N, C-alpha and C. Protein backbone atom coordinates (compact mmCIF):
# COMPACT_ATOMS: atom_id res chain seq x y z
N MET A 1 0.84 -1.17 0.00
CA MET A 1 0.00 0.00 0.00
C MET A 1 0.89 1.24 0.00
N VAL A 2 0.58 2.19 -0.85
CA VAL A 2 1.35 3.42 -0.92
C VAL A 2 0.49 4.55 -0.35
N TRP A 3 1.06 5.24 0.61
CA TRP A 3 0.39 6.35 1.26
C TRP A 3 0.68 7.64 0.50
N ALA A 4 -0.32 8.50 0.37
CA ALA A 4 -0.12 9.81 -0.24
C ALA A 4 0.45 10.75 0.83
N ILE A 5 1.35 11.61 0.43
CA ILE A 5 1.93 12.61 1.33
C ILE A 5 1.38 13.97 0.91
N GLU A 6 0.72 14.66 1.84
CA GLU A 6 0.20 16.00 1.58
C GLU A 6 0.74 16.94 2.65
N PHE A 7 0.90 18.20 2.28
CA PHE A 7 1.41 19.21 3.20
C PHE A 7 0.35 20.27 3.43
N LEU A 8 0.16 20.68 4.69
CA LEU A 8 -0.61 21.87 4.96
C LEU A 8 0.17 23.06 4.42
N PRO A 9 -0.48 24.16 4.05
CA PRO A 9 0.26 25.31 3.51
C PRO A 9 1.37 25.80 4.45
N GLU A 10 1.13 25.77 5.76
CA GLU A 10 2.15 26.22 6.71
C GLU A 10 3.36 25.30 6.69
N ALA A 11 3.12 23.99 6.57
CA ALA A 11 4.22 23.03 6.53
C ALA A 11 5.02 23.16 5.24
N ALA A 12 4.33 23.38 4.14
CA ALA A 12 5.02 23.58 2.86
C ALA A 12 5.90 24.82 2.92
N LYS A 13 5.41 25.86 3.57
CA LYS A 13 6.19 27.10 3.71
C LYS A 13 7.43 26.85 4.56
N GLU A 14 7.27 26.10 5.66
CA GLU A 14 8.43 25.77 6.51
C GLU A 14 9.46 24.97 5.73
N LEU A 15 9.00 24.05 4.89
CA LEU A 15 9.91 23.22 4.09
C LEU A 15 10.67 24.08 3.08
N ARG A 16 9.99 25.03 2.46
CA ARG A 16 10.65 25.91 1.49
C ARG A 16 11.71 26.79 2.14
N LYS A 17 11.57 27.11 3.41
CA LYS A 17 12.54 27.95 4.11
C LYS A 17 13.83 27.22 4.45
N LEU A 18 13.82 25.90 4.45
CA LEU A 18 15.02 25.13 4.78
C LEU A 18 16.00 25.17 3.62
N ASP A 19 17.26 24.86 3.92
CA ASP A 19 18.24 24.79 2.83
C ASP A 19 17.88 23.61 1.92
N ARG A 20 18.34 23.69 0.69
CA ARG A 20 17.93 22.71 -0.32
C ARG A 20 18.27 21.27 0.03
N THR A 21 19.44 21.05 0.60
CA THR A 21 19.83 19.67 0.90
C THR A 21 18.95 19.07 2.00
N ALA A 22 18.65 19.85 3.02
CA ALA A 22 17.80 19.36 4.11
C ALA A 22 16.38 19.11 3.60
N ALA A 23 15.86 20.03 2.81
CA ALA A 23 14.51 19.87 2.26
C ALA A 23 14.43 18.66 1.35
N ALA A 24 15.44 18.46 0.51
CA ALA A 24 15.45 17.30 -0.39
C ALA A 24 15.53 16.00 0.40
N ARG A 25 16.32 15.99 1.46
CA ARG A 25 16.44 14.79 2.30
C ARG A 25 15.10 14.46 2.97
N ILE A 26 14.40 15.48 3.44
CA ILE A 26 13.12 15.27 4.10
C ILE A 26 12.09 14.72 3.10
N VAL A 27 12.00 15.33 1.92
CA VAL A 27 11.05 14.87 0.91
C VAL A 27 11.37 13.45 0.46
N LYS A 28 12.65 13.16 0.25
CA LYS A 28 13.05 11.81 -0.18
C LYS A 28 12.70 10.78 0.89
N THR A 29 12.93 11.09 2.15
CA THR A 29 12.60 10.17 3.23
C THR A 29 11.10 9.95 3.31
N LEU A 30 10.33 11.02 3.19
CA LEU A 30 8.87 10.88 3.23
C LEU A 30 8.38 9.98 2.10
N GLU A 31 8.92 10.18 0.91
CA GLU A 31 8.49 9.39 -0.25
C GLU A 31 8.98 7.95 -0.19
N ASP A 32 10.25 7.76 0.14
CA ASP A 32 10.84 6.42 0.07
C ASP A 32 10.55 5.55 1.28
N ARG A 33 10.63 6.11 2.48
CA ARG A 33 10.51 5.29 3.68
C ARG A 33 9.13 5.30 4.29
N ILE A 34 8.48 6.45 4.33
CA ILE A 34 7.21 6.54 5.04
C ILE A 34 6.02 6.21 4.14
N ALA A 35 5.97 6.78 2.95
CA ALA A 35 4.85 6.53 2.05
C ALA A 35 4.79 5.08 1.58
N SER A 36 5.92 4.42 1.52
CA SER A 36 5.94 3.04 1.02
C SER A 36 5.63 2.00 2.09
N GLN A 37 5.53 2.40 3.34
CA GLN A 37 5.24 1.46 4.43
C GLN A 37 3.79 0.98 4.35
N GLU A 38 3.56 -0.23 4.80
CA GLU A 38 2.20 -0.74 4.94
C GLU A 38 1.45 0.10 5.97
N ASP A 39 2.14 0.45 7.05
CA ASP A 39 1.59 1.32 8.08
C ASP A 39 2.69 2.29 8.50
N PRO A 40 2.55 3.58 8.21
CA PRO A 40 3.60 4.54 8.53
C PRO A 40 3.86 4.67 10.03
N ARG A 41 2.97 4.16 10.86
CA ARG A 41 3.17 4.20 12.30
C ARG A 41 4.31 3.28 12.74
N ALA A 42 4.70 2.35 11.88
CA ALA A 42 5.74 1.38 12.21
C ALA A 42 7.08 2.04 12.48
N ILE A 43 7.38 3.14 11.80
CA ILE A 43 8.68 3.78 12.00
C ILE A 43 8.55 5.15 12.64
N GLY A 44 7.33 5.57 12.99
CA GLY A 44 7.12 6.86 13.62
C GLY A 44 6.89 6.73 15.11
N SER A 45 6.71 7.85 15.76
CA SER A 45 6.41 7.88 17.19
C SER A 45 5.17 8.73 17.41
N ALA A 46 4.28 8.23 18.25
CA ALA A 46 3.07 8.98 18.57
C ALA A 46 3.41 10.11 19.53
N LEU A 47 2.76 11.23 19.34
CA LEU A 47 2.94 12.36 20.24
C LEU A 47 1.84 12.33 21.31
N VAL A 48 2.13 12.91 22.45
CA VAL A 48 1.18 12.91 23.56
C VAL A 48 0.92 14.35 24.02
N GLY A 49 0.03 14.51 24.96
CA GLY A 49 -0.24 15.84 25.51
C GLY A 49 -1.01 16.69 24.53
N ASP A 50 -0.56 17.92 24.35
CA ASP A 50 -1.23 18.86 23.45
C ASP A 50 -1.20 18.40 22.00
N HIS A 51 -0.27 17.52 21.67
CA HIS A 51 -0.10 17.06 20.29
C HIS A 51 -0.64 15.65 20.09
N ALA A 52 -1.50 15.19 20.98
CA ALA A 52 -2.06 13.84 20.87
C ALA A 52 -2.79 13.68 19.55
N GLY A 53 -2.65 12.52 18.94
CA GLY A 53 -3.26 12.26 17.65
C GLY A 53 -2.33 12.52 16.48
N LEU A 54 -1.16 13.10 16.76
CA LEU A 54 -0.18 13.37 15.71
C LEU A 54 0.98 12.39 15.84
N TRP A 55 1.69 12.20 14.75
CA TRP A 55 2.87 11.33 14.71
C TRP A 55 4.06 12.15 14.28
N ARG A 56 5.25 11.69 14.67
CA ARG A 56 6.47 12.39 14.26
C ARG A 56 7.49 11.40 13.73
N TRP A 57 8.30 11.92 12.83
CA TRP A 57 9.43 11.17 12.30
C TRP A 57 10.66 12.04 12.41
N ARG A 58 11.76 11.45 12.79
CA ARG A 58 13.03 12.16 12.92
C ARG A 58 13.80 11.98 11.62
N ILE A 59 14.20 13.08 11.04
CA ILE A 59 15.00 13.06 9.81
C ILE A 59 16.17 14.00 10.05
N GLY A 60 17.28 13.44 10.48
CA GLY A 60 18.44 14.24 10.83
C GLY A 60 18.13 15.12 12.02
N ASP A 61 18.40 16.41 11.91
CA ASP A 61 18.11 17.36 12.99
C ASP A 61 16.69 17.91 12.90
N TYR A 62 15.92 17.44 11.94
CA TYR A 62 14.58 17.96 11.72
C TYR A 62 13.53 16.94 12.13
N ARG A 63 12.34 17.45 12.43
CA ARG A 63 11.21 16.60 12.79
C ARG A 63 10.06 16.92 11.85
N VAL A 64 9.38 15.87 11.42
CA VAL A 64 8.18 16.00 10.61
C VAL A 64 7.03 15.55 11.47
N VAL A 65 6.07 16.43 11.70
CA VAL A 65 4.89 16.12 12.49
C VAL A 65 3.71 16.02 11.53
N ALA A 66 2.95 14.92 11.64
CA ALA A 66 1.88 14.69 10.69
C ALA A 66 0.68 14.01 11.34
N ARG A 67 -0.43 14.11 10.66
CA ARG A 67 -1.65 13.40 11.04
C ARG A 67 -1.83 12.28 10.02
N ILE A 68 -2.05 11.07 10.49
CA ILE A 68 -2.25 9.93 9.60
C ILE A 68 -3.75 9.74 9.43
N GLU A 69 -4.22 9.84 8.19
CA GLU A 69 -5.63 9.70 7.88
C GLU A 69 -5.85 8.36 7.18
N ASP A 70 -6.28 7.37 7.96
CA ASP A 70 -6.45 6.01 7.44
C ASP A 70 -7.51 5.92 6.35
N GLU A 71 -8.61 6.65 6.50
CA GLU A 71 -9.70 6.55 5.54
C GLU A 71 -9.32 7.08 4.16
N ARG A 72 -8.40 8.03 4.11
CA ARG A 72 -7.92 8.59 2.84
C ARG A 72 -6.58 8.01 2.41
N ILE A 73 -5.98 7.18 3.24
CA ILE A 73 -4.63 6.64 3.02
C ILE A 73 -3.66 7.79 2.73
N THR A 74 -3.65 8.73 3.66
CA THR A 74 -2.87 9.95 3.49
C THR A 74 -2.11 10.29 4.77
N VAL A 75 -0.89 10.75 4.59
CA VAL A 75 -0.11 11.32 5.68
C VAL A 75 -0.12 12.82 5.44
N LEU A 76 -0.81 13.56 6.32
CA LEU A 76 -0.95 15.00 6.19
C LEU A 76 0.10 15.68 7.07
N VAL A 77 1.12 16.25 6.44
CA VAL A 77 2.21 16.89 7.18
C VAL A 77 1.73 18.22 7.72
N VAL A 78 1.83 18.36 9.05
CA VAL A 78 1.37 19.55 9.75
C VAL A 78 2.51 20.52 10.03
N ARG A 79 3.71 19.97 10.27
CA ARG A 79 4.84 20.82 10.68
C ARG A 79 6.15 20.17 10.24
N VAL A 80 7.08 20.98 9.78
CA VAL A 80 8.44 20.57 9.47
C VAL A 80 9.35 21.63 10.08
N ALA A 81 10.16 21.23 11.07
CA ALA A 81 11.01 22.22 11.73
C ALA A 81 12.20 21.54 12.39
N HIS A 82 13.16 22.36 12.79
CA HIS A 82 14.32 21.88 13.53
C HIS A 82 13.84 21.30 14.85
N ARG A 83 14.55 20.35 15.38
CA ARG A 83 14.12 19.63 16.58
C ARG A 83 13.92 20.53 17.79
N ARG A 84 14.64 21.63 17.90
CA ARG A 84 14.49 22.49 19.07
C ARG A 84 13.28 23.42 18.96
N GLU A 85 12.70 23.54 17.76
CA GLU A 85 11.60 24.47 17.54
C GLU A 85 10.26 23.81 17.22
N VAL A 86 10.27 22.54 16.89
CA VAL A 86 9.10 21.92 16.31
C VAL A 86 7.89 21.82 17.25
N TYR A 87 8.09 21.67 18.52
CA TYR A 87 6.97 21.46 19.44
C TYR A 87 6.48 22.73 20.11
N ARG A 88 6.98 23.88 19.72
CA ARG A 88 6.57 25.15 20.32
C ARG A 88 5.28 25.64 19.72
């Protein structure tokens, strides 16, 4: 099963602000490792507290926070940021 990767406008803007190599690495990881999984939860971590219901993936020094929508088979990226800023 191949999952579709979609970005919220805010997440797409954050991705565009990153340097090209970091942005390319994040997109490649999302496409190759996460979208191709039978269940993207297998390699992600669930968030708790204020961010309950969201999942995160670590890609180098950056974190991708997303909502997994099973009914649409979509990973909706909510946030892409450096690890020290992503949960603020």
